[in-house]
């Protein structure tokens, strides 16, 4: 079956991704390879596919073209450029009466930026833990004192008493000024600045701490106090590649990042998502609840979701559904239930979360994945059979319904050119990977993240390889002890997401230390 985008006078693919021509020999198949003997009953999946947004686009891609033309941000979302998309949608939000589609696009872009920051921040935290136990005397007593400070900050982040880490800090360095400020109960301006509370604006950090670090700490206080507008504006002016602490100069310089502010970018982007949604009704409430959960506002998220469960919209727009694993408005209702379970779990109501998750259906692959994704947040074991070993089963279920349209499939070239079937399967499989990661099975998570990766652009951003998915893969590689592979992901993310500089530097430090321990040469670790 041959598809050529230029057959469509003004196709969605052209508008969305800038495709302008294709070879007459080019073949793009919805289904790849011979169909194997069915290993799983996917009849329910096919029934859901017939009602889906993917089949809807296959019948007529005009709504997708219209959506893409409404704002250039949609094209950037389709090509994994969420920061650029957020800028485009953000500009439109400042106009009078932005549309719901603009709000959806802005919130979705902000949430992808937030999820990418969260994964990158998790690597910073993990590497802080790892490097704290590494044997190195690089930087001398001053660097050793700062390492003790970071160990104390890590304890604070985990809600533990930092006393042991503080006791290990030897005096005689600029870090001495921070020791008293980190002790539980301290209320001086420096203590307030370090704990993200109002009142620390006048505090001064000691030598070694950068101006960017002081600014990040003040932004964290703004986030905690709900100062969204100022926090977003100030965060945008802070260099994402600048470290928090620098010891030494030139090639001998040693840099550090504070694990407490490692997820600051995620929180700021979540605030942007909340701002995009505003008080708009409808399915935008789902995006609002996701942002609230990222900000640690479990009770607020639960209230938002309860309102949606009470009066769910009867229909969903293409903007609500496109490039998600929700096929119809009914799936968005199930997403509300799943998020409700996660909100309950976040507030300590594990029993309620389990009960809510148990109400989710398990008739399709997508629904089984959603159910286990909700359940693991409440402490339930991962259903390892929720997603099949052969992802082609789901691709063929969806692709078969697209092909079954025959002459009705006026939008088939766009479905093929935009890879919509595979990208739907990617979305389902990545949710399963997220569930696996949350359940403490990083090997399983990584396997499915790699399965959902576009092999034509391995480790790197592409239309299918979303930034958040690549950052999650980098995080899981750290968890299973593969820092070199994680660094490969981060290196290829750097151009589109400069904030990866912090964990990338930490991974290089670790590799250098290991090389010096094992082989006697720093070059082996780079």
Protein backbone atom coordinates (compact mmCIF):
# COMPACT_ATOMS: atom_id res chain seq x y z
CA UNK A 1 0.00 0.00 0.00
CA UNK A 2 1.61 3.28 -1.12
CA UNK A 3 0.94 6.60 0.52
CA UNK A 4 2.29 9.93 -0.67
CA UNK A 5 1.63 13.12 1.26
CA UNK A 6 1.66 15.26 -1.91
CA UNK A 7 -1.55 13.58 -3.06
CA UNK A 8 -3.34 15.66 -0.44
CA UNK A 9 -3.64 19.26 -1.61
CA UNK A 10 -3.08 20.75 1.85
CA UNK A 11 -2.59 17.84 4.18
CA UNK A 12 -2.34 17.79 7.93
CA UNK A 13 1.12 16.26 7.62
CA UNK A 14 2.35 19.22 5.59
CA UNK A 15 0.95 21.71 8.09
CA UNK A 16 2.03 19.85 11.20
CA UNK A 17 5.50 18.68 10.28
CA UNK A 18 6.49 20.68 7.24
CA UNK A 19 6.48 17.68 4.89
CA UNK A 20 6.59 19.02 1.35
CA UNK A 21 7.36 16.10 -0.90
CA UNK A 22 7.96 12.37 -1.02
CA UNK A 23 9.36 9.81 -3.39
CA UNK A 24 7.03 7.82 -5.60
CA UNK A 25 8.85 4.74 -4.33
CA UNK A 26 8.15 5.63 -0.70
CA UNK A 27 5.96 3.16 1.17
CA UNK A 28 4.62 3.84 4.63
CA UNK A 29 2.58 1.01 6.06
CA UNK A 30 0.20 1.22 8.97
CA UNK A 31 1.02 -2.42 9.74
CA UNK A 32 4.47 -3.88 9.39
CA UNK A 33 5.36 -7.50 8.67
CA UNK A 34 3.13 -10.55 8.43
CA UNK A 35 0.41 -10.88 11.01
CA UNK A 36 1.33 -13.57 13.56
CA UNK A 37 -1.09 -16.02 15.08
CA UNK A 38 -3.14 -14.10 17.67
CA UNK A 39 -1.56 -14.39 21.11
CA UNK A 40 -4.08 -12.12 22.71
CA UNK A 41 -7.72 -11.33 22.12
CA UNK A 42 -7.73 -7.74 20.85
CA UNK A 43 -11.33 -7.65 19.68
CA UNK A 44 -12.19 -5.08 22.35
CA UNK A 45 -9.20 -3.00 21.28
CA UNK A 46 -10.41 -3.03 17.70
CA UNK A 47 -13.89 -2.01 18.79
CA UNK A 48 -12.45 0.96 20.70
CA UNK A 49 -10.23 1.82 17.73
CA UNK A 50 -13.26 2.17 15.48
CA UNK A 51 -14.48 5.03 17.70
CA UNK A 52 -11.06 6.63 18.09
CA UNK A 53 -9.53 9.94 17.08
CA UNK A 54 -6.97 8.01 14.98
CA UNK A 55 -9.67 6.42 12.82
CA UNK A 56 -11.41 9.79 12.76
CA UNK A 57 -8.29 11.41 11.25
CA UNK A 58 -8.02 8.51 8.80
CA UNK A 59 -11.55 9.24 7.59
CA UNK A 60 -10.98 12.97 7.33
CA UNK A 61 -7.82 14.81 8.36
CA UNK A 62 -9.38 18.25 7.86
CA UNK A 63 -9.92 18.77 11.64
CA UNK A 64 -6.24 18.00 12.23
CA UNK A 65 -5.19 20.46 9.52
CA UNK A 66 -7.45 23.09 11.09
CA UNK A 67 -5.97 22.43 14.53
CA UNK A 68 -2.41 22.65 13.19
CA UNK A 69 -3.17 25.94 11.42
CA UNK A 70 -4.64 27.45 14.59
CA UNK A 71 -1.22 27.84 16.23
CA UNK A 72 2.35 26.87 15.23
CA UNK A 73 2.72 25.35 18.68
CA UNK A 74 0.85 22.26 17.50
CA UNK A 75 3.51 21.59 14.88
CA UNK A 76 6.17 21.85 17.57
CA UNK A 77 4.27 19.45 19.83
CA UNK A 78 4.17 16.96 16.97
CA UNK A 79 7.94 17.31 16.45
CA UNK A 80 8.96 17.07 20.13
CA UNK A 81 9.77 20.73 20.68
CA UNK A 82 7.68 21.45 23.80
CA UNK A 83 9.62 24.54 24.91
CA UNK A 84 9.07 26.17 21.53
CA UNK A 85 5.44 25.06 21.57
CA UNK A 86 4.97 26.59 25.00
CA UNK A 87 6.34 29.91 23.73
CA UNK A 88 3.96 29.88 20.74
CA UNK A 89 0.92 28.97 22.80
CA UNK A 90 1.98 31.36 25.55
CA UNK A 91 1.95 34.26 23.12
CA UNK A 92 -1.57 33.32 22.05
CA UNK A 93 -2.71 33.11 25.68
CA UNK A 94 -1.92 36.81 26.09
CA UNK A 95 -4.44 37.73 23.41
CA UNK A 96 -8.06 38.47 24.16
CA UNK A 97 -10.17 35.35 24.56
CA UNK A 98 -7.74 32.48 23.85
CA UNK A 99 -9.47 29.34 22.61
CA UNK A 100 -9.74 26.15 24.61
CA UNK A 101 -7.51 24.48 22.01
CA UNK A 102 -4.81 27.07 22.75
CA UNK A 103 -5.16 26.42 26.47
CA UNK A 104 -4.93 22.67 25.90
CA UNK A 105 -1.83 23.06 23.75
CA UNK A 106 -0.11 25.37 26.23
CA UNK A 107 -0.91 23.12 29.20
CA UNK A 108 0.22 19.98 27.39
CA UNK A 109 3.48 21.63 26.31
CA UNK A 110 4.11 22.88 29.85
CA UNK A 111 3.43 19.45 31.33
CA UNK A 112 5.87 17.78 28.95
CA UNK A 113 8.50 20.35 29.92
CA UNK A 114 7.68 19.67 33.58
CA UNK A 115 7.98 15.90 33.16
CA UNK A 116 11.33 16.31 31.41
CA UNK A 117 12.60 18.54 34.21
CA UNK A 118 11.35 16.03 36.78
CA UNK A 119 13.25 13.15 35.17
CA UNK A 120 16.40 15.26 34.83
CA UNK A 121 16.07 16.36 38.46
CA UNK A 122 15.71 12.75 39.58
CA UNK A 123 19.08 12.01 37.99
CA UNK A 124 20.64 14.91 39.91
CA UNK A 125 19.25 13.49 43.17
CA UNK A 126 20.42 9.97 42.36
CA UNK A 127 23.88 11.17 41.37
CA UNK A 128 24.16 13.28 44.53
CA UNK A 129 23.61 10.07 46.49
CA UNK A 130 26.12 8.14 44.38
CA UNK A 131 28.84 10.78 44.39
CA UNK A 132 28.48 11.23 48.16
CA UNK A 133 29.94 7.74 48.59
CA UNK A 134 32.58 8.06 45.87
CA UNK A 135 36.17 8.15 47.08
CA UNK A 136 37.72 11.37 45.86
CA UNK A 137 39.75 14.18 47.35
CA UNK A 138 39.35 16.43 44.34
CA UNK A 139 39.01 20.07 45.31
CA UNK A 140 40.55 19.63 48.73
CA UNK A 141 38.91 20.57 52.06
CA UNK A 142 36.60 23.19 50.56
CA UNK A 143 35.06 20.77 48.05
CA UNK A 144 34.80 18.14 50.79
CA UNK A 145 32.86 20.60 52.94
CA UNK A 146 30.48 21.38 50.08
CA UNK A 147 29.94 17.64 49.56
CA UNK A 148 28.96 17.44 53.22
CA UNK A 149 26.55 20.33 52.71
CA UNK A 150 24.94 18.52 49.75
CA UNK A 151 24.63 15.34 51.81
CA UNK A 152 22.80 17.38 54.45
CA UNK A 153 20.57 18.91 51.78
CA UNK A 154 19.79 15.42 50.49
CA UNK A 155 18.74 14.39 53.99
CA UNK A 156 16.52 17.47 54.21
CA UNK A 157 14.93 16.64 50.87
CA UNK A 158 14.07 13.17 52.14
CA UNK A 159 12.64 14.55 55.38
CA UNK A 160 15.52 13.26 57.48
CA UNK A 161 17.65 14.93 60.15
CA UNK A 162 20.79 16.37 58.49
CA UNK A 163 22.77 16.22 61.76
CA UNK A 164 25.04 13.33 60.76
CA UNK A 165 26.01 14.96 57.47
CA UNK A 166 26.58 18.31 59.16
CA UNK A 167 28.75 16.73 61.83
CA UNK A 168 31.06 15.41 59.13
CA UNK A 169 31.77 18.90 57.79
CA UNK A 170 35.16 20.06 59.00
CA UNK A 171 35.49 23.73 59.86
CA UNK A 172 37.64 26.34 58.24
CA UNK A 173 35.80 26.77 54.92
CA UNK A 174 33.08 29.12 53.61
CA UNK A 175 30.57 26.29 54.19
CA UNK A 176 30.77 26.99 57.95
CA UNK A 177 28.21 29.77 57.46
CA UNK A 178 25.65 27.25 56.20
CA UNK A 179 25.97 24.63 58.94
CA UNK A 180 23.93 26.52 61.54
CA UNK A 181 21.35 27.50 58.92
CA UNK A 182 20.68 23.85 58.07
CA UNK A 183 20.02 22.74 61.62
CA UNK A 184 16.35 21.93 62.36
CA UNK A 185 14.49 24.91 63.78
CA UNK A 186 16.84 27.57 62.41
CA UNK A 187 14.93 30.75 61.49
CA UNK A 188 17.59 33.24 60.40
CA UNK A 189 17.36 34.66 56.84
CA UNK A 190 19.88 32.15 55.48
CA UNK A 191 17.88 29.25 56.94
CA UNK A 192 14.69 30.65 55.42
CA UNK A 193 16.38 30.99 52.02
CA UNK A 194 17.63 27.40 52.11
CA UNK A 195 14.22 26.04 53.09
CA UNK A 196 12.29 27.98 50.46
CA UNK A 197 10.40 30.21 52.88
CA UNK A 198 9.64 33.93 52.66
CA UNK A 199 12.08 36.12 54.53
CA UNK A 200 15.30 34.86 53.02
CA UNK A 201 15.57 37.56 50.37
CA UNK A 202 18.26 39.47 52.30
CA UNK A 203 20.45 36.43 53.01
CA UNK A 204 23.90 36.12 51.46
CA UNK A 205 25.44 32.84 50.41
CA UNK A 206 29.14 32.17 51.07
CA UNK A 207 31.96 32.10 48.52
CA UNK A 208 31.61 29.24 46.08
CA UNK A 209 27.84 29.60 45.76
CA UNK A 210 26.84 31.17 42.44
CA UNK A 211 24.42 34.00 41.78
CA UNK A 212 22.28 31.49 39.87
CA UNK A 213 22.03 29.33 43.00
CA UNK A 214 20.82 32.28 45.07
CA UNK A 215 18.26 33.05 42.39
CA UNK A 216 17.03 29.44 42.23
CA UNK A 217 16.55 29.41 46.00
CA UNK A 218 14.53 32.62 45.84
CA UNK A 219 12.42 31.26 42.98
CA UNK A 220 11.75 28.12 45.04
CA UNK A 221 10.38 30.37 47.79
CA UNK A 222 8.15 32.12 45.25
CA UNK A 223 6.83 28.77 44.02
CA UNK A 224 6.08 27.68 47.59
CA UNK A 225 4.25 30.93 48.23
CA UNK A 226 2.22 30.71 45.01
CA UNK A 227 3.97 33.56 43.21
CA UNK A 228 3.53 31.94 39.82
CA UNK A 229 3.94 34.93 37.51
CA UNK A 230 7.15 36.20 39.07
CA UNK A 231 8.56 32.67 39.50
CA UNK A 232 8.05 31.86 35.81
CA UNK A 233 9.55 35.16 34.66
CA UNK A 234 12.60 34.90 36.90
CA UNK A 235 13.23 31.22 36.13
CA UNK A 236 13.31 32.01 32.41
CA UNK A 237 16.22 34.39 33.02
CA UNK A 238 18.38 31.89 34.94
CA UNK A 239 20.93 30.02 32.83
CA UNK A 240 19.90 26.33 32.90
CA UNK A 241 23.52 25.28 32.45
CA UNK A 242 24.94 27.33 35.35
CA UNK A 243 25.87 25.24 38.41
CA UNK A 244 24.90 26.09 41.98
CA UNK A 245 28.41 25.87 43.38
CA UNK A 246 31.84 26.29 41.76
CA UNK A 247 35.13 25.44 43.48
CA UNK A 248 38.33 26.43 41.69
CA UNK A 249 38.79 27.93 38.26
CA UNK A 250 39.42 26.87 34.68
CA UNK A 251 39.90 23.20 33.91
CA UNK A 252 40.38 22.45 37.61
CA UNK A 253 36.96 23.82 38.55
CA UNK A 254 34.54 21.47 40.34
CA UNK A 255 30.82 22.14 40.12
CA UNK A 256 27.87 20.98 42.21
CA UNK A 257 24.05 21.12 42.07
CA UNK A 258 21.75 21.24 45.08
CA UNK A 259 19.37 18.22 45.10
CA UNK A 260 16.70 20.27 46.88
CA UNK A 261 16.25 22.56 43.87
CA UNK A 262 16.73 19.78 41.30
CA UNK A 263 13.00 19.69 40.49
CA UNK A 264 12.50 23.46 40.47
CA UNK A 265 12.06 23.51 36.68
CA UNK A 266 9.31 20.91 36.95
CA UNK A 267 7.42 23.01 39.46
CA UNK A 268 7.76 26.20 37.45
CA UNK A 269 6.51 24.46 34.30
CA UNK A 270 3.61 22.97 36.27
CA UNK A 271 2.70 26.51 37.34
CA UNK A 272 2.70 27.48 33.66
CA UNK A 273 0.28 24.63 32.96
CA UNK A 274 -2.02 25.87 35.72
CA UNK A 275 -1.86 29.38 34.32
CA UNK A 276 -2.72 28.08 30.84
CA UNK A 277 -5.80 26.25 32.09
CA UNK A 278 -7.02 29.09 34.27
CA UNK A 279 -10.65 28.66 35.22
CA UNK A 280 -11.64 27.07 31.91
CA UNK A 281 -14.10 24.17 32.23
CA UNK A 282 -14.23 20.78 30.53
CA UNK A 283 -11.43 18.29 29.99
CA UNK A 284 -8.90 21.01 30.75
CA UNK A 285 -9.52 19.95 34.34
CA UNK A 286 -7.47 16.80 33.65
CA UNK A 287 -4.45 18.89 32.73
CA UNK A 288 -5.03 21.10 35.74
CA UNK A 289 -5.08 18.08 38.06
CA UNK A 290 -1.86 16.72 36.55
CA UNK A 291 -0.16 20.06 37.23
CA UNK A 292 -1.51 20.15 40.78
CA UNK A 293 -0.12 16.67 41.45
CA UNK A 294 3.29 17.73 40.14
CA UNK A 295 3.20 20.63 42.60
CA UNK A 296 2.38 18.30 45.50
CA UNK A 297 -1.18 19.62 45.75
CA UNK A 298 -2.91 16.27 46.11
CA UNK A 299 -6.02 17.56 47.89
CA UNK A 300 -6.54 20.29 45.29
CA UNK A 301 -6.09 17.76 42.48
CA UNK A 302 -8.66 15.48 44.10
CA UNK A 303 -11.17 18.35 44.24
CA UNK A 304 -10.55 19.19 40.59
CA UNK A 305 -11.05 15.57 39.58
CA UNK A 306 -14.14 15.11 41.76
CA UNK A 307 -15.80 17.95 39.86
CA UNK A 308 -15.00 16.22 36.55
CA UNK A 309 -16.27 12.87 37.80
CA UNK A 310 -19.52 14.47 38.85
CA UNK A 311 -20.14 16.15 35.50
CA UNK A 312 -17.85 14.82 32.76
CA UNK A 313 -18.16 16.48 29.34
CA UNK A 314 -20.05 14.30 26.87
CA UNK A 315 -17.60 14.88 24.03
CA UNK A 316 -13.90 15.54 23.53
CA UNK A 317 -12.14 17.66 20.93
CA UNK A 318 -9.23 16.54 18.79
CA UNK A 319 -6.99 18.85 20.85
CA UNK A 320 -7.94 16.89 23.98
CA UNK A 321 -7.07 13.54 22.41
CA UNK A 322 -4.42 13.84 19.71
CA UNK A 323 -1.09 12.12 20.50
CA UNK A 324 -2.42 10.70 23.78
CA UNK A 325 -3.40 7.16 24.75
CA UNK A 326 -7.01 8.26 25.23
CA UNK A 327 -9.04 7.30 22.16
CA UNK A 328 -12.40 8.83 23.05
CA UNK A 329 -14.14 10.97 25.66
CA UNK A 330 -14.90 7.75 27.54
CA UNK A 331 -11.17 7.15 27.91
CA UNK A 332 -10.77 10.64 29.33
CA UNK A 333 -13.35 9.73 31.96
CA UNK A 334 -11.25 6.69 32.86
CA UNK A 335 -8.17 8.91 33.02
CA UNK A 336 -10.00 11.06 35.58
CA UNK A 337 -10.64 7.95 37.69
CA UNK A 338 -7.00 6.83 37.42
CA UNK A 339 -5.71 10.28 38.38
CA UNK A 340 -8.16 10.35 41.28
CA UNK A 341 -6.55 7.18 42.62
CA UNK A 342 -3.12 8.79 42.35
CA UNK A 343 -4.36 11.94 44.07
CA UNK A 344 -5.78 9.85 46.90
CA UNK A 345 -2.49 7.99 47.25
CA UNK A 346 -0.57 11.27 47.35
CA UNK A 347 -2.61 12.40 50.36
CA UNK A 348 -2.04 9.13 52.23
CA UNK A 349 -5.39 7.52 51.43
CA UNK A 350 -3.97 4.22 50.13
CA UNK A 351 -7.18 2.27 50.79
CA UNK A 352 -9.27 4.78 48.88
CA UNK A 353 -6.74 4.82 46.04
CA UNK A 354 -6.82 1.03 45.73
CA UNK A 355 -10.60 1.01 45.72
CA UNK A 356 -10.75 3.70 43.04
CA UNK A 357 -8.18 1.96 40.85
CA UNK A 358 -10.11 -1.30 41.15
CA UNK A 359 -13.12 0.29 39.42
CA UNK A 360 -11.16 0.74 36.18
CA UNK A 361 -11.96 -1.76 33.41
CA UNK A 362 -9.48 -4.26 31.95
CA UNK A 363 -11.13 -5.03 28.62
CA UNK A 364 -8.42 -3.49 26.40
CA UNK A 365 -4.65 -3.19 26.54
CA UNK A 366 -4.89 0.54 27.10
CA UNK A 367 -7.35 0.11 29.93
CA UNK A 368 -5.28 -2.59 31.63
CA UNK A 369 -2.25 -0.34 31.49
CA UNK A 370 -4.23 2.57 32.94
CA UNK A 371 -5.50 0.35 35.74
CA UNK A 372 -2.05 -0.85 36.81
CA UNK A 373 -0.65 2.70 36.43
CA UNK A 374 -3.26 3.88 38.94
CA UNK A 375 -2.83 0.84 41.18
CA UNK A 376 0.93 0.98 41.67
CA UNK A 377 0.60 4.51 43.07
CA UNK A 378 -1.47 2.97 45.87
CA UNK A 379 1.03 0.19 46.52
CA UNK A 380 -0.50 -2.50 44.33
CA UNK A 381 1.93 -4.77 42.45
CA UNK A 382 2.59 -4.08 38.78
CA UNK A 383 0.47 -6.15 36.41
CA UNK A 384 3.32 -7.27 34.18
CA UNK A 385 0.89 -8.75 31.67
CA UNK A 386 -0.96 -5.48 31.12
CA UNK A 387 1.10 -4.62 28.06
CA UNK A 388 1.87 -7.47 25.63
CA UNK A 389 5.38 -8.65 24.83
CA UNK A 390 4.67 -7.94 21.17
CA UNK A 391 3.58 -4.31 20.80
CA UNK A 392 2.65 -5.06 17.19
CA UNK A 393 -0.53 -6.68 18.51
CA UNK A 394 -1.84 -3.28 19.54
CA UNK A 395 -0.48 -1.60 16.40
CA UNK A 396 -2.26 -4.15 14.21
CA UNK A 397 -5.50 -3.78 16.15
CA UNK A 398 -5.52 -0.05 15.51
CA UNK A 399 -3.97 -0.25 12.05
CA UNK A 400 -6.42 -2.93 10.96
CA UNK A 401 -9.34 -0.64 11.68
CA UNK A 402 -7.67 2.16 9.74
CA UNK A 403 -7.12 -0.09 6.74
CA UNK A 404 -10.65 -1.48 6.99
CA UNK A 405 -11.98 1.95 6.05
CA UNK A 406 -10.92 1.34 2.45
CA UNK A 407 -12.13 4.12 0.19
CA UNK A 408 -13.47 6.03 3.21
CA UNK A 409 -9.91 6.65 4.44
CA UNK A 410 -9.41 10.06 2.87
CA UNK A 411 -6.93 10.98 5.61
CA UNK A 412 -4.90 7.79 5.37
CA UNK A 413 -1.81 9.53 3.91
CA UNK A 414 -1.69 11.79 6.96
CA UNK A 415 -2.11 8.90 9.40
CA UNK A 416 0.85 7.20 7.71
CA UNK A 417 3.04 10.29 7.32
CA UNK A 418 2.51 11.36 10.92
CA UNK A 419 2.94 7.80 12.21
CA UNK A 420 -0.22 8.16 14.28
CA UNK A 421 -0.76 4.44 14.88
CA UNK A 422 2.75 3.86 16.23
CA UNK A 423 2.59 7.03 18.28
CA UNK A 424 -0.63 5.90 19.91
CA UNK A 425 1.07 2.60 20.83
CA UNK A 426 4.07 4.59 22.11
CA UNK A 427 1.79 6.54 24.44
CA UNK A 428 0.26 3.36 25.91
CA UNK A 429 3.64 1.64 26.28
CA UNK A 430 5.26 4.68 27.90
CA UNK A 431 2.47 4.80 30.47
CA UNK A 432 3.20 1.16 31.23
CA UNK A 433 6.90 2.00 31.58
CA UNK A 434 5.97 4.77 34.03
CA UNK A 435 3.98 2.28 36.07
CA UNK A 436 6.90 -0.16 36.04
CA UNK A 437 9.31 2.55 37.19
CA UNK A 438 6.98 3.58 40.01
CA UNK A 439 6.62 -0.04 41.14
CA UNK A 440 10.37 -0.45 41.53
CA UNK A 441 11.01 -2.36 38.30
CA UNK A 442 13.45 -0.12 36.38
CA UNK A 443 14.57 -2.95 34.07
CA UNK A 444 10.98 -3.48 32.94
CA UNK A 445 10.47 0.27 32.57
CA UNK A 446 13.59 0.63 30.47
CA UNK A 447 12.69 -2.30 28.23
CA UNK A 448 9.39 -0.67 27.32
CA UNK A 449 10.86 2.82 26.98
CA UNK A 450 13.34 1.39 24.48
CA UNK A 451 10.56 -0.50 22.67
CA UNK A 452 8.67 2.77 22.27
CA UNK A 453 11.73 4.59 20.93
CA UNK A 454 12.10 5.55 17.29
CA UNK A 455 15.13 3.46 16.30
CA UNK A 456 15.81 5.73 13.32
CA UNK A 457 16.81 8.41 15.86
CA UNK A 458 18.11 6.30 18.74
CA UNK A 459 18.74 8.23 21.98
CA UNK A 460 17.82 11.51 20.26
CA UNK A 461 14.74 13.73 19.92
CA UNK A 462 12.52 13.08 16.92
CA UNK A 463 8.79 13.42 16.27
CA UNK A 464 8.23 10.09 18.04
CA UNK A 465 11.01 10.48 20.63
CA UNK A 466 9.52 12.96 23.05
CA UNK A 467 11.93 14.80 25.35
CA UNK A 468 10.24 13.47 28.47
CA UNK A 469 10.49 9.87 27.23
CA UNK A 470 14.21 10.28 26.51
CA UNK A 471 14.81 11.87 29.91
CA UNK A 472 12.91 9.01 31.56
CA UNK A 473 15.12 6.51 29.73
CA UNK A 474 18.21 8.36 30.96
CA UNK A 475 16.84 8.22 34.51
CA UNK A 476 16.13 4.48 34.38
CA UNK A 477 19.59 3.79 32.98
CA UNK A 478 21.04 5.52 36.05
CA UNK A 479 18.83 3.40 38.29
CA UNK A 480 20.15 0.15 36.81
CA UNK A 481 23.78 1.29 36.87
CA UNK A 482 24.40 2.27 33.25
CA UNK A 483 25.74 5.85 33.51
CA UNK A 484 27.39 5.79 30.07
CA UNK A 485 24.09 5.02 28.35
CA UNK A 486 22.33 7.66 30.42
CA UNK A 487 24.97 10.19 29.40
CA UNK A 488 24.39 9.31 25.74
CA UNK A 489 20.70 10.21 26.10
CA UNK A 490 21.49 13.45 27.92
CA UNK A 491 24.14 14.48 25.40
CA UNK A 492 21.64 14.19 22.56
CA UNK A 493 19.01 16.05 24.54
CA UNK A 494 21.29 18.98 25.34
CA UNK A 495 20.51 21.09 22.27
CA UNK A 496 16.76 21.09 22.90
CA UNK A 497 16.88 20.91 26.69
CA UNK A 498 19.97 22.67 28.13
CA UNK A 499 19.00 21.79 31.73
CA UNK A 500 20.49 18.33 31.16
CA UNK A 501 23.91 19.96 31.70
CA UNK A 502 23.75 19.40 35.47
CA UNK A 503 23.19 15.62 35.50
CA UNK A 504 25.46 15.19 32.48
CA UNK A 505 28.34 16.83 34.37
CA UNK A 506 27.65 14.63 37.40
CA UNK A 507 27.67 11.49 35.26
CA UNK A 508 31.00 12.55 33.74
CA UNK A 509 32.39 13.09 37.24
CA UNK A 510 31.30 9.61 38.26
CA UNK A 511 32.81 8.03 35.16
CA UNK A 512 36.05 9.90 35.72
CA UNK A 513 36.26 8.76 39.35
CA UNK A 514 35.60 5.16 38.35
CA UNK A 515 38.17 5.35 35.58
CA UNK A 516 40.81 6.67 37.96
CA UNK A 517 39.99 3.96 40.50
CA UNK A 518 39.97 1.10 38.01
CA UNK A 519 42.32 2.11 35.22
CA UNK A 520 44.37 4.93 36.63
CA UNK A 521 43.38 7.49 34.01
CA UNK A 522 40.73 10.18 33.86
CA UNK A 523 40.38 9.97 30.08
CA UNK A 524 38.64 6.60 30.38
CA UNK A 525 35.74 8.15 32.19
CA UNK A 526 34.84 10.82 29.66
